């Protein structure tokens, strides 16, 4: 018998503390004390007591699987060196602004009316079907467009909707970018942004550097 993350759960380490994102339940949680120690031992390949495994399973951190192997993979840490938002000076067009408004509205509606898991699954499917690569010029234009929207509606409390909306806009041209959800501790916070390699597409470097990726799409 082995263990793995539940199908809708991802995790990352923030220091010595494991944080989890349960997309299906739309919640973040962490393990502390003995539970955190036992989870670390489990992913290191060590045997743990059945009682400890039961506690981790009750917490939503693991599930039993019918194999001797255990599978736990956290997103790799990222070091970002550039931000398109801090550099972009492209002019925007009426059509690009209209598209951004449309994608923002439908994304906000989707997040209000459906589960986060459903919205993420749809984005992953669309990203898989998309082909081609988004050129830097187009990314700069889209980033400038969404920055204009941010002047109209504050982006500080809507990073998830803004990032998914911009991802949908970029998918009309290609799929060579990633949507990243990250977490921080002390105090706890969650954030979402887009990136292409070491380049942040829709946020400031000083903002995203505070967060550790917990889900990369």
Foldseek 3Di string as FASTA:
>chain_A
DAKEAPPQKWWDDADLKIKMARQQVRDIDTDDDPLSVVVVCRVVPHDDDPVSVVVCVVVRGMDDDPDPDYDHDFDDWAAADAELLVVFDDDEDPVLLVLLVVLLVVLVVCVVPHGSVVLVVVLVVLQVPFADDQDPVVLSRNLVSLVVVCVVPPCPPPQPSNASSSSVVRSVHHRQKKKFWWWAVPPIDIHIFIGHHSYTRHDDSVVPVRTGTRDID
